[in-house]
């Protein structure tokens, strides 16, 4: 797919303090940077489309990567290893471990490092593939316009030919 068209009636943006127009029109603006959004943004850029991705969170990757699936699996994996060390599973495999202790701070640091590495990987891919990352809450404000509402109350208006909504489930 090289073109996606969304027709939305024009309506005003409510109570914004500042508008910063991006002078060049994008071919595609993706709202959301989860598994669907970031892959679509990168692929569109690789196909030659001038692409921007608007993400409400500080880091790319969506819920699964930042606070859902990935952090949960990292902690579950570590708890499984801890359980194996305390049960006869390690001993039956010829692995003898004495005084196994749980360091919750280190567990959380390792989980955070895993998430940071993966979100950093997406940011690197955006940079490598020339996808513009805009932090803010994406709102369709016109037929060919998306506004990124920033936490500080400012806004960034992005003109675009196409809009892809990838905000997750």
N, C-alpha and C. Protein backbone atom coordinates (compact mmCIF):
# COMPACT_ATOMS: atom_id res chain seq x y z
N UNK A 1 0.86 -1.17 0.00
CA UNK A 1 0.00 0.00 0.00
C UNK A 1 0.90 1.23 0.00
N UNK A 2 0.74 2.09 -0.98
CA UNK A 2 1.53 3.31 -1.02
C UNK A 2 0.71 4.55 -0.71
N UNK A 3 -0.61 4.41 -0.61
CA UNK A 3 -1.43 5.57 -0.33
C UNK A 3 -2.64 5.18 0.50
N UNK A 4 -2.88 5.95 1.54
CA UNK A 4 -4.05 5.76 2.39
C UNK A 4 -4.71 7.12 2.50
N UNK A 5 -5.99 7.19 2.23
CA UNK A 5 -6.69 8.47 2.30
C UNK A 5 -7.79 8.39 3.34
N UNK A 6 -7.85 9.38 4.20
CA UNK A 6 -8.88 9.48 5.21
C UNK A 6 -9.56 10.82 5.01
N UNK A 7 -10.88 10.82 4.87
CA UNK A 7 -11.64 12.07 4.73
C UNK A 7 -12.32 12.37 6.06
N UNK A 8 -11.94 13.48 6.65
CA UNK A 8 -12.47 13.88 7.95
C UNK A 8 -12.99 15.30 7.81
N UNK A 9 -14.19 15.60 8.31
CA UNK A 9 -14.69 16.97 8.24
C UNK A 9 -13.81 17.91 9.04
N UNK A 10 -13.68 19.13 8.56
CA UNK A 10 -12.86 20.14 9.21
C UNK A 10 -13.56 20.63 10.47
N UNK A 11 -12.84 20.65 11.59
CA UNK A 11 -13.38 21.21 12.81
C UNK A 11 -12.26 21.91 13.57
N UNK A 12 -12.57 22.91 14.39
CA UNK A 12 -11.53 23.70 15.05
C UNK A 12 -10.85 22.95 16.19
N UNK A 13 -9.60 23.29 16.43
CA UNK A 13 -8.88 22.78 17.59
C UNK A 13 -9.31 23.61 18.79
N UNK A 14 -9.61 22.95 19.89
CA UNK A 14 -10.11 23.66 21.06
C UNK A 14 -8.98 24.09 21.99
N UNK A 15 -9.05 25.29 22.47
CA UNK A 15 -8.20 25.87 23.51
C UNK A 15 -6.73 25.51 23.43
N UNK A 16 -6.09 25.90 22.35
CA UNK A 16 -4.66 25.68 22.23
C UNK A 16 -3.94 27.01 22.43
N UNK A 17 -2.81 26.97 23.10
CA UNK A 17 -2.06 28.19 23.39
C UNK A 17 -1.15 28.61 22.24
N UNK A 18 -0.61 27.64 21.51
CA UNK A 18 0.40 27.96 20.52
C UNK A 18 0.31 26.98 19.36
N UNK A 19 0.43 27.48 18.15
CA UNK A 19 0.48 26.64 16.96
C UNK A 19 1.82 26.84 16.29
N UNK A 20 2.49 25.74 16.01
CA UNK A 20 3.76 25.79 15.28
C UNK A 20 3.56 25.00 14.00
N UNK A 21 3.34 25.69 12.89
CA UNK A 21 3.12 25.00 11.63
C UNK A 21 4.41 24.41 11.10
N UNK A 22 4.33 23.18 10.65
CA UNK A 22 5.45 22.56 9.95
C UNK A 22 5.27 22.94 8.50
N UNK A 23 6.29 23.61 7.93
CA UNK A 23 6.13 24.20 6.59
C UNK A 23 5.97 23.16 5.50
N UNK A 24 6.66 22.05 5.57
CA UNK A 24 6.57 21.05 4.51
C UNK A 24 5.47 20.04 4.82
N UNK A 25 4.68 19.72 3.81
CA UNK A 25 3.63 18.73 3.97
C UNK A 25 4.24 17.34 3.96
N UNK A 26 3.73 16.48 4.81
CA UNK A 26 4.15 15.08 4.83
C UNK A 26 3.26 14.27 3.90
N UNK A 27 3.78 13.17 3.43
CA UNK A 27 2.96 12.24 2.65
C UNK A 27 2.08 11.41 3.58
N UNK A 28 2.62 11.10 4.77
CA UNK A 28 1.90 10.26 5.73
C UNK A 28 2.21 10.69 7.15
N UNK A 29 1.17 10.80 7.97
CA UNK A 29 1.33 10.97 9.40
C UNK A 29 0.70 9.75 10.06
N UNK A 30 1.47 9.08 10.89
CA UNK A 30 1.00 7.92 11.66
C UNK A 30 0.75 8.40 13.08
N UNK A 31 -0.43 8.12 13.59
CA UNK A 31 -0.75 8.45 14.98
C UNK A 31 -0.61 7.16 15.79
N UNK A 32 0.41 7.11 16.64
CA UNK A 32 0.69 5.93 17.45
C UNK A 32 1.95 5.22 16.99
N UNK A 33 2.78 4.82 17.95
CA UNK A 33 4.05 4.18 17.60
C UNK A 33 4.18 2.78 18.18
N UNK A 34 3.06 2.10 18.36
CA UNK A 34 3.11 0.71 18.80
C UNK A 34 3.57 -0.18 17.66
N UNK A 35 3.42 -1.49 17.81
CA UNK A 35 3.91 -2.43 16.79
C UNK A 35 3.35 -2.18 15.39
N UNK A 36 2.12 -1.72 15.29
CA UNK A 36 1.55 -1.40 13.98
C UNK A 36 2.04 -0.07 13.46
N UNK A 37 2.07 0.93 14.32
CA UNK A 37 2.43 2.28 13.91
C UNK A 37 3.88 2.46 13.52
N UNK A 38 4.80 1.96 14.35
CA UNK A 38 6.20 2.21 14.01
C UNK A 38 6.64 1.42 12.80
N UNK A 39 6.13 0.22 12.62
CA UNK A 39 6.47 -0.58 11.44
C UNK A 39 5.93 0.09 10.18
N UNK A 40 4.68 0.57 10.24
CA UNK A 40 4.08 1.25 9.08
C UNK A 40 4.84 2.53 8.74
N UNK A 41 5.23 3.29 9.76
CA UNK A 41 5.97 4.54 9.52
C UNK A 41 7.31 4.27 8.86
N UNK A 42 8.03 3.28 9.36
CA UNK A 42 9.34 2.94 8.79
C UNK A 42 9.19 2.45 7.36
N UNK A 43 8.24 1.56 7.13
CA UNK A 43 8.04 1.01 5.78
C UNK A 43 7.64 2.11 4.80
N UNK A 44 6.75 3.00 5.22
CA UNK A 44 6.32 4.10 4.35
C UNK A 44 7.52 4.97 3.97
N UNK A 45 8.36 5.25 4.93
CA UNK A 45 9.54 6.06 4.66
C UNK A 45 10.50 5.33 3.72
N UNK A 46 10.66 4.03 3.92
CA UNK A 46 11.51 3.24 3.03
C UNK A 46 10.98 3.23 1.60
N UNK A 47 9.66 3.35 1.46
CA UNK A 47 9.04 3.39 0.13
C UNK A 47 9.07 4.79 -0.48
N UNK A 48 9.68 5.73 0.23
CA UNK A 48 9.86 7.07 -0.33
C UNK A 48 8.87 8.12 0.14
N UNK A 49 8.00 7.78 1.08
CA UNK A 49 7.04 8.75 1.59
C UNK A 49 7.66 9.58 2.70
N UNK A 50 7.44 10.89 2.68
CA UNK A 50 7.88 11.75 3.78
C UNK A 50 6.92 11.48 4.94
N UNK A 51 7.45 10.88 6.01
CA UNK A 51 6.62 10.31 7.06
C UNK A 51 6.92 10.91 8.42
N UNK A 52 5.85 11.14 9.18
CA UNK A 52 5.97 11.57 10.58
C UNK A 52 5.14 10.61 11.43
N UNK A 53 5.57 10.42 12.66
CA UNK A 53 4.83 9.58 13.60
C UNK A 53 4.62 10.38 14.88
N UNK A 54 3.36 10.50 15.29
CA UNK A 54 3.02 11.23 16.51
C UNK A 54 2.75 10.21 17.61
N UNK A 55 3.45 10.34 18.72
CA UNK A 55 3.31 9.43 19.86
C UNK A 55 3.09 10.24 21.13
N UNK A 56 2.08 9.85 21.90
CA UNK A 56 1.73 10.59 23.12
C UNK A 56 2.73 10.38 24.25
N UNK A 57 3.39 9.23 24.28
CA UNK A 57 4.34 8.93 25.35
C UNK A 57 5.73 9.45 25.00
N UNK A 58 6.59 9.51 26.01
CA UNK A 58 7.95 9.99 25.80
C UNK A 58 8.78 9.04 24.95
N UNK A 59 8.47 7.75 25.02
CA UNK A 59 9.24 6.76 24.28
C UNK A 59 8.36 6.07 23.24
N UNK A 60 8.99 5.58 22.19
CA UNK A 60 8.30 4.88 21.11
C UNK A 60 8.04 3.43 21.51
N UNK A 61 7.10 2.78 20.84
CA UNK A 61 6.88 1.36 21.06
C UNK A 61 5.52 0.98 21.58
N UNK A 62 4.76 1.93 22.07
CA UNK A 62 3.41 1.63 22.52
C UNK A 62 3.36 0.96 23.88
N UNK A 63 2.16 0.55 24.25
CA UNK A 63 1.91 -0.05 25.55
C UNK A 63 2.67 -1.35 25.75
N UNK A 64 2.64 -2.24 24.76
CA UNK A 64 3.27 -3.55 24.89
C UNK A 64 4.75 -3.42 25.25
N UNK A 65 5.45 -2.59 24.53
CA UNK A 65 6.89 -2.47 24.74
C UNK A 65 7.22 -1.71 26.03
N UNK A 66 6.49 -0.67 26.33
CA UNK A 66 6.86 0.20 27.45
C UNK A 66 6.35 -0.25 28.81
N UNK A 67 5.12 -0.71 28.90
CA UNK A 67 4.55 -1.04 30.21
C UNK A 67 3.78 -2.35 30.24
N UNK A 68 3.67 -3.03 29.12
CA UNK A 68 2.85 -4.24 29.06
C UNK A 68 3.66 -5.50 28.89
N UNK A 69 3.60 -6.05 27.71
CA UNK A 69 4.16 -7.37 27.41
C UNK A 69 5.64 -7.51 27.74
N UNK A 70 6.47 -6.62 27.25
CA UNK A 70 7.91 -6.76 27.37
C UNK A 70 8.38 -6.64 28.83
N UNK A 71 7.99 -5.60 29.56
CA UNK A 71 8.42 -5.55 30.97
C UNK A 71 7.90 -6.74 31.78
N UNK A 72 6.66 -7.15 31.51
CA UNK A 72 6.09 -8.29 32.23
C UNK A 72 6.87 -9.56 31.95
N UNK A 73 7.20 -9.79 30.69
CA UNK A 73 7.94 -11.00 30.33
C UNK A 73 9.35 -10.99 30.91
N UNK A 74 9.98 -9.83 30.96
CA UNK A 74 11.32 -9.74 31.57
C UNK A 74 11.26 -10.14 33.04
N UNK A 75 10.27 -9.63 33.76
CA UNK A 75 10.13 -9.97 35.18
C UNK A 75 9.73 -11.42 35.37
N UNK A 76 8.83 -11.93 34.52
CA UNK A 76 8.43 -13.34 34.62
C UNK A 76 9.60 -14.27 34.35
N UNK A 77 10.43 -13.93 33.36
CA UNK A 77 11.60 -14.76 33.06
C UNK A 77 12.55 -14.82 34.26
N UNK A 78 12.80 -13.66 34.86
CA UNK A 78 13.69 -13.63 36.02
C UNK A 78 13.10 -14.38 37.21
N UNK A 79 11.80 -14.27 37.41
CA UNK A 79 11.17 -15.01 38.51
C UNK A 79 11.22 -16.51 38.26
N UNK A 80 11.12 -16.90 37.00
CA UNK A 80 11.24 -18.32 36.64
C UNK A 80 12.65 -18.83 36.96
N UNK A 81 13.67 -18.05 36.61
CA UNK A 81 15.05 -18.45 36.92
C UNK A 81 15.26 -18.56 38.43
N UNK A 82 14.70 -17.62 39.17
CA UNK A 82 14.80 -17.65 40.63
C UNK A 82 14.14 -18.91 41.18
N UNK A 83 12.97 -19.23 40.65
CA UNK A 83 12.27 -20.44 41.08
C UNK A 83 13.09 -21.69 40.76
N UNK A 84 13.67 -21.75 39.58
CA UNK A 84 14.49 -22.90 39.19
C UNK A 84 15.69 -23.05 40.12
N UNK A 85 16.28 -21.93 40.53
CA UNK A 85 17.44 -21.98 41.42
C UNK A 85 17.06 -22.49 42.80
N UNK A 86 15.82 -22.21 43.24
CA UNK A 86 15.37 -22.66 44.56
C UNK A 86 14.78 -24.07 44.54
N UNK A 87 14.36 -24.52 43.40
CA UNK A 87 13.78 -25.86 43.33
C UNK A 87 14.89 -26.86 42.99
N UNK A 88 14.51 -28.09 42.83
CA UNK A 88 15.51 -29.11 42.49
C UNK A 88 15.86 -29.10 41.01
N UNK A 89 15.24 -28.21 40.24
CA UNK A 89 15.47 -28.18 38.79
C UNK A 89 16.94 -27.92 38.46
N UNK A 90 17.54 -26.91 39.08
CA UNK A 90 18.96 -26.64 38.82
C UNK A 90 19.82 -27.81 39.28
N UNK A 91 19.54 -28.30 40.49
CA UNK A 91 20.34 -29.39 41.06
C UNK A 91 20.28 -30.63 40.17
N UNK A 92 19.09 -30.94 39.64
CA UNK A 92 18.94 -32.10 38.76
C UNK A 92 19.72 -31.93 37.46
N UNK A 93 20.02 -30.71 37.10
CA UNK A 93 20.79 -30.44 35.88
C UNK A 93 22.29 -30.33 36.17
N UNK A 94 22.67 -30.54 37.41
CA UNK A 94 24.08 -30.47 37.76
C UNK A 94 24.54 -29.07 38.10
N UNK A 95 23.59 -28.19 38.35
CA UNK A 95 23.95 -26.81 38.71
C UNK A 95 23.66 -26.62 40.19
N UNK A 96 24.71 -26.39 40.96
CA UNK A 96 24.54 -26.19 42.39
C UNK A 96 24.76 -24.72 42.73
N UNK A 97 23.75 -24.14 43.33
CA UNK A 97 23.79 -22.72 43.68
C UNK A 97 23.43 -22.60 45.16
N UNK A 98 24.30 -21.93 45.90
CA UNK A 98 24.03 -21.71 47.32
C UNK A 98 23.63 -20.26 47.55
N UNK A 99 22.82 -20.06 48.56
CA UNK A 99 22.44 -18.72 49.00
C UNK A 99 21.87 -17.84 47.89
N UNK A 100 20.91 -18.37 47.17
CA UNK A 100 20.25 -17.58 46.12
C UNK A 100 19.37 -16.53 46.80
N UNK A 101 19.58 -15.28 46.42
CA UNK A 101 18.79 -14.19 46.98
C UNK A 101 18.17 -13.38 45.86
N UNK A 102 17.13 -12.70 46.20
CA UNK A 102 16.42 -11.86 45.24
C UNK A 102 16.78 -10.40 45.51
N UNK A 103 17.23 -9.70 44.46
CA UNK A 103 17.55 -8.28 44.55
C UNK A 103 16.54 -7.55 43.67
N UNK A 104 15.47 -7.05 44.29
CA UNK A 104 14.39 -6.42 43.53
C UNK A 104 14.85 -5.19 42.77
N UNK A 105 15.74 -4.41 43.36
CA UNK A 105 16.24 -3.22 42.65
C UNK A 105 16.93 -3.63 41.35
N UNK A 106 17.77 -4.67 41.42
CA UNK A 106 18.47 -5.12 40.23
C UNK A 106 17.51 -5.73 39.21
N UNK A 107 16.49 -6.46 39.69
CA UNK A 107 15.47 -7.01 38.78
C UNK A 107 14.78 -5.89 38.01
N UNK A 108 14.40 -4.84 38.71
CA UNK A 108 13.72 -3.71 38.07
C UNK A 108 14.66 -2.96 37.13
N UNK A 109 15.93 -2.83 37.52
CA UNK A 109 16.91 -2.17 36.65
C UNK A 109 17.11 -2.95 35.36
N UNK A 110 17.16 -4.28 35.47
CA UNK A 110 17.34 -5.12 34.28
C UNK A 110 16.13 -5.02 33.37
N UNK A 111 14.93 -5.00 33.95
CA UNK A 111 13.70 -4.85 33.17
C UNK A 111 13.70 -3.51 32.45
N UNK A 112 14.06 -2.45 33.16
CA UNK A 112 14.10 -1.11 32.56
C UNK A 112 15.14 -1.02 31.46
N UNK A 113 16.29 -1.68 31.66
CA UNK A 113 17.34 -1.67 30.64
C UNK A 113 16.87 -2.38 29.37
N UNK A 114 16.12 -3.47 29.53
CA UNK A 114 15.59 -4.18 28.37
C UNK A 114 14.63 -3.29 27.58
N UNK A 115 13.73 -2.63 28.28
CA UNK A 115 12.77 -1.74 27.64
C UNK A 115 13.50 -0.58 26.96
N UNK A 116 14.47 0.01 27.64
CA UNK A 116 15.22 1.14 27.09
C UNK A 116 15.96 0.74 25.81
N UNK A 117 16.54 -0.46 25.81
CA UNK A 117 17.26 -0.92 24.61
C UNK A 117 16.31 -1.06 23.43
N UNK A 118 15.12 -1.60 23.67
CA UNK A 118 14.16 -1.81 22.58
C UNK A 118 13.56 -0.50 22.09
N UNK A 119 13.19 0.39 23.00
CA UNK A 119 12.64 1.69 22.57
C UNK A 119 13.72 2.51 21.87
N UNK A 120 14.94 2.40 22.34
CA UNK A 120 16.06 3.07 21.68
C UNK A 120 16.29 2.53 20.28
N UNK A 121 16.05 1.23 20.11
CA UNK A 121 16.18 0.62 18.79
C UNK A 121 15.17 1.19 17.81
N UNK A 122 13.95 1.42 18.27
CA UNK A 122 12.93 2.01 17.40
C UNK A 122 13.32 3.45 17.05
N UNK A 123 13.77 4.21 18.04
CA UNK A 123 14.20 5.59 17.79
C UNK A 123 15.34 5.61 16.77
N UNK A 124 16.27 4.67 16.89
CA UNK A 124 17.38 4.57 15.93
C UNK A 124 16.85 4.27 14.52
N UNK A 125 15.89 3.35 14.43
CA UNK A 125 15.30 3.02 13.12
C UNK A 125 14.57 4.22 12.53
N UNK A 126 13.89 5.01 13.37
CA UNK A 126 13.24 6.23 12.88
C UNK A 126 14.28 7.17 12.29
N UNK A 127 15.36 7.37 13.02
CA UNK A 127 16.41 8.28 12.55
C UNK A 127 17.04 7.76 11.27
N UNK A 128 17.37 6.47 11.26
CA UNK A 128 18.01 5.85 10.10
C UNK A 128 17.13 5.93 8.86
N UNK A 129 15.82 5.81 9.04
CA UNK A 129 14.88 5.81 7.91
C UNK A 129 14.20 7.16 7.70
N UNK A 130 14.66 8.18 8.40
CA UNK A 130 14.17 9.56 8.24
C UNK A 130 12.67 9.71 8.52
N UNK A 131 12.21 9.03 9.58
CA UNK A 131 10.84 9.21 10.06
C UNK A 131 10.89 10.30 11.12
N UNK A 132 10.07 11.33 10.96
CA UNK A 132 10.01 12.42 11.94
C UNK A 132 9.19 11.97 13.14
N UNK A 133 9.78 12.01 14.34
CA UNK A 133 9.07 11.64 15.56
C UNK A 133 8.59 12.92 16.23
N UNK A 134 7.28 13.00 16.45
CA UNK A 134 6.68 14.16 17.12
C UNK A 134 6.01 13.66 18.39
N UNK A 135 6.44 14.19 19.54
CA UNK A 135 5.84 13.79 20.80
C UNK A 135 4.61 14.64 21.04
N UNK A 136 3.49 13.98 21.32
CA UNK A 136 2.25 14.67 21.60
C UNK A 136 1.06 13.75 21.37
N UNK A 137 -0.09 14.20 21.78
CA UNK A 137 -1.33 13.45 21.58
C UNK A 137 -1.88 13.83 20.20
N UNK A 138 -1.88 12.88 19.27
CA UNK A 138 -2.32 13.17 17.90
C UNK A 138 -3.82 13.34 17.80
N UNK A 139 -4.23 14.42 17.13
CA UNK A 139 -5.65 14.70 16.95
C UNK A 139 -5.85 15.15 15.51
N UNK A 140 -6.76 14.49 14.80
CA UNK A 140 -7.06 14.88 13.42
C UNK A 140 -7.88 16.16 13.50
N UNK A 141 -7.33 17.23 12.92
CA UNK A 141 -7.98 18.54 13.02
C UNK A 141 -8.42 19.08 11.68
N UNK A 142 -8.32 18.28 10.65
CA UNK A 142 -8.74 18.69 9.32
C UNK A 142 -8.53 17.56 8.34
N UNK A 143 -9.02 17.76 7.12
CA UNK A 143 -8.91 16.72 6.09
C UNK A 143 -7.46 16.29 5.88
N UNK A 144 -6.55 17.21 5.89
CA UNK A 144 -5.14 16.91 5.66
C UNK A 144 -4.28 17.52 6.77
N UNK A 145 -4.72 17.33 8.01
CA UNK A 145 -4.03 17.99 9.11
C UNK A 145 -4.17 17.18 10.39
N UNK A 146 -3.04 17.00 11.07
CA UNK A 146 -3.02 16.37 12.38
C UNK A 146 -2.31 17.33 13.32
N UNK A 147 -2.87 17.49 14.51
CA UNK A 147 -2.27 18.35 15.51
C UNK A 147 -1.74 17.49 16.65
N UNK A 148 -0.48 17.73 17.01
CA UNK A 148 0.12 17.07 18.17
C UNK A 148 -0.04 17.99 19.36
N UNK A 149 -0.86 17.56 20.32
CA UNK A 149 -1.11 18.35 21.53
C UNK A 149 -0.05 17.97 22.56
N UNK A 150 0.78 18.93 22.93
CA UNK A 150 1.91 18.68 23.83
C UNK A 150 1.47 18.79 25.29
N UNK A 151 2.25 18.18 26.17
CA UNK A 151 1.94 18.21 27.60
C UNK A 151 1.98 19.62 28.18
N UNK A 152 2.83 20.47 27.60
CA UNK A 152 2.96 21.83 28.12
C UNK A 152 1.87 22.77 27.61
N UNK A 153 0.90 22.23 26.87
CA UNK A 153 -0.21 23.05 26.37
C UNK A 153 0.00 23.60 24.98
N UNK A 154 1.18 23.43 24.42
CA UNK A 154 1.43 23.90 23.06
C UNK A 154 0.97 22.84 22.06
N UNK A 155 0.95 23.22 20.80
CA UNK A 155 0.53 22.31 19.74
C UNK A 155 1.47 22.41 18.56
N UNK A 156 1.54 21.34 17.80
CA UNK A 156 2.30 21.33 16.56
C UNK A 156 1.37 20.81 15.47
N UNK A 157 1.12 21.63 14.46
CA UNK A 157 0.22 21.27 13.37
C UNK A 157 1.04 20.66 12.24
N UNK A 158 0.62 19.49 11.78
CA UNK A 158 1.33 18.78 10.72
C UNK A 158 0.39 18.62 9.53
N UNK A 159 0.78 19.16 8.40
CA UNK A 159 0.03 19.00 7.15
C UNK A 159 0.43 17.67 6.53
N UNK A 160 -0.55 16.94 5.99
CA UNK A 160 -0.26 15.62 5.45
C UNK A 160 -1.23 15.26 4.34
N UNK A 161 -0.79 14.41 3.46
CA UNK A 161 -1.67 13.90 2.41
C UNK A 161 -2.48 12.71 2.91
N UNK A 162 -1.90 11.94 3.83
CA UNK A 162 -2.53 10.72 4.33
C UNK A 162 -2.34 10.60 5.83
N UNK A 163 -3.32 9.95 6.48
CA UNK A 163 -3.28 9.74 7.92
C UNK A 163 -3.51 8.26 8.20
N UNK A 164 -2.67 7.69 9.06
CA UNK A 164 -2.84 6.31 9.50
C UNK A 164 -3.04 6.33 11.01
N UNK A 165 -4.18 5.83 11.46
CA UNK A 165 -4.47 5.77 12.89
C UNK A 165 -4.03 4.40 13.39
N UNK A 166 -3.02 4.39 14.27
CA UNK A 166 -2.47 3.15 14.81
C UNK A 166 -2.35 3.31 16.32
N UNK A 167 -3.48 3.54 16.97
CA UNK A 167 -3.49 3.85 18.40
C UNK A 167 -3.67 2.64 19.29
N UNK A 168 -3.66 1.45 18.74
CA UNK A 168 -3.79 0.25 19.56
C UNK A 168 -5.23 -0.11 19.83
N UNK A 169 -5.37 -1.13 20.66
CA UNK A 169 -6.73 -1.65 20.91
C UNK A 169 -7.36 -1.07 22.15
